[in-house]
Amino acid sequence: MLNSLHRRPRSRRFAPALAALTGGRVAGMPSAPVPAPREPSSDIVDALRAYAPPWYEEEAGVVTRALIDRLESGDRELVLAAADEEWRAYYDAAGETERQHLVLHYAAHWDVGPVLSRLGLPRLVPPDDIHAMARGPLAAGGGLWFADLIAGAAERTGVPIAAGQRVLDFGCSSGRVLAALSAWRHDVEWMGCDPNAAAAAWAGEHLPRVSAFASPQEPPLDMEAGSLDLVYAVSVWSHFGESQAVAWLEEMRRVLRPGGALVITTQGVASIAHYLRQASVTEDYARDAGRALLTRGHAYFVAFGEDGDWGVKHPEWGMGYMTADWLAAHASPGWSLELLEPARIDANQDLVVLVRGGRREAA
């Protein structure tokens, strides 16, 4: 599957960097004769700098569309009337897809009660001492973009979120994505867990259709084997060291039913290139990360100080990167890799869907 990347329109630009960092195990674009070899370390940095992320067409997904369909005539005008001048101008300048997200966020941020009641959307406004991945007028309606991404990925791989299912947000923080998903479908049992106990508790208290709990930093979860239909994790495997990444993959396989899906985001080649392009990391960091991906398929760096990440401390909770080859090798034979979209999240993290036992068991 990976060897055909250069033939896929959306993945074509990803092939050269992945080819460079896998020593040619993944085919790059057909090219002219290769010039004389250069220093490998220089080649790594050059390949990362040359990397251009694939382009993905953005449109409102199933979650956003369902919520927008609940609006009545005049609701949009009511919401925009509540917004201040600056954010009304922001809305006016946005495209239609973004406007659909904005009207939902604005309704929550400015607490437009009648509209929120029709939407079934909670106001996601955690206090400053509670961890949140985003705040303000662009976040009050929850993680709509991620909710669309997760629900869409599950549907495209043949394991759609359906009535009566049990779904876990692994690493839910204060419930950003759960807020949107639980507003979308009231007939699903939504759960969240996070090692940040205060954030998980806040989510459980403020999201009416969600149960949330503090999770340990080492497996297992306090859940029965095969008790979940789907697990998703946004930017969790992007922080794991190698042994933790493997251990938690195995734990997800345990708690999911046969045919259940794991939707995750991971850091890899695209992430290193992104951080290098943004000057968030040095060339030495990028070179070391690239070399580790080339030789081992996984790279890990300590990233947090003595206080940890909002109090979460673990020797393998930092910045983790992996190749698709590494993931496929460590996911076998218990998983089927059903979807890989490189640089899908902000031209940075990859989107991955694993199905326990493959689609045959999901049917």
Foldseek 3Di string as FASTA:
>chain_A
DQQCQCVDQQRNLVQQLVCLLQVNPRPHHDDDDDDDDDDSLVVNLVSLQSRDHGDDDDAQFDLLVLLVVLDDPPLLVLLLVLDDPVVNVVLVPDDPRVNSLLSLLSCLQSVVPVSCVSLVFFQPADDPLFDDPDHDSNQRRADRRVLRVVQVVCVVLPQHDDFPFEEEEEACRQNRNVRSNCSRDVRYQYEYEHLLAVSQVNNCVRRVRYHYGYADQADDGPAQFQRGQEYEYECPQQFFDDVSNLRVLVNVLGNHHAFHKYKYKYFASQQLSVCVVVVVDDSVVSSVQSNCCNPPQKDHDAADDPCPDSNDDDPGGHGMYGDPVVVVVSNPPQWDWRDWRQCPDVSGIIITMITGRGNVRND
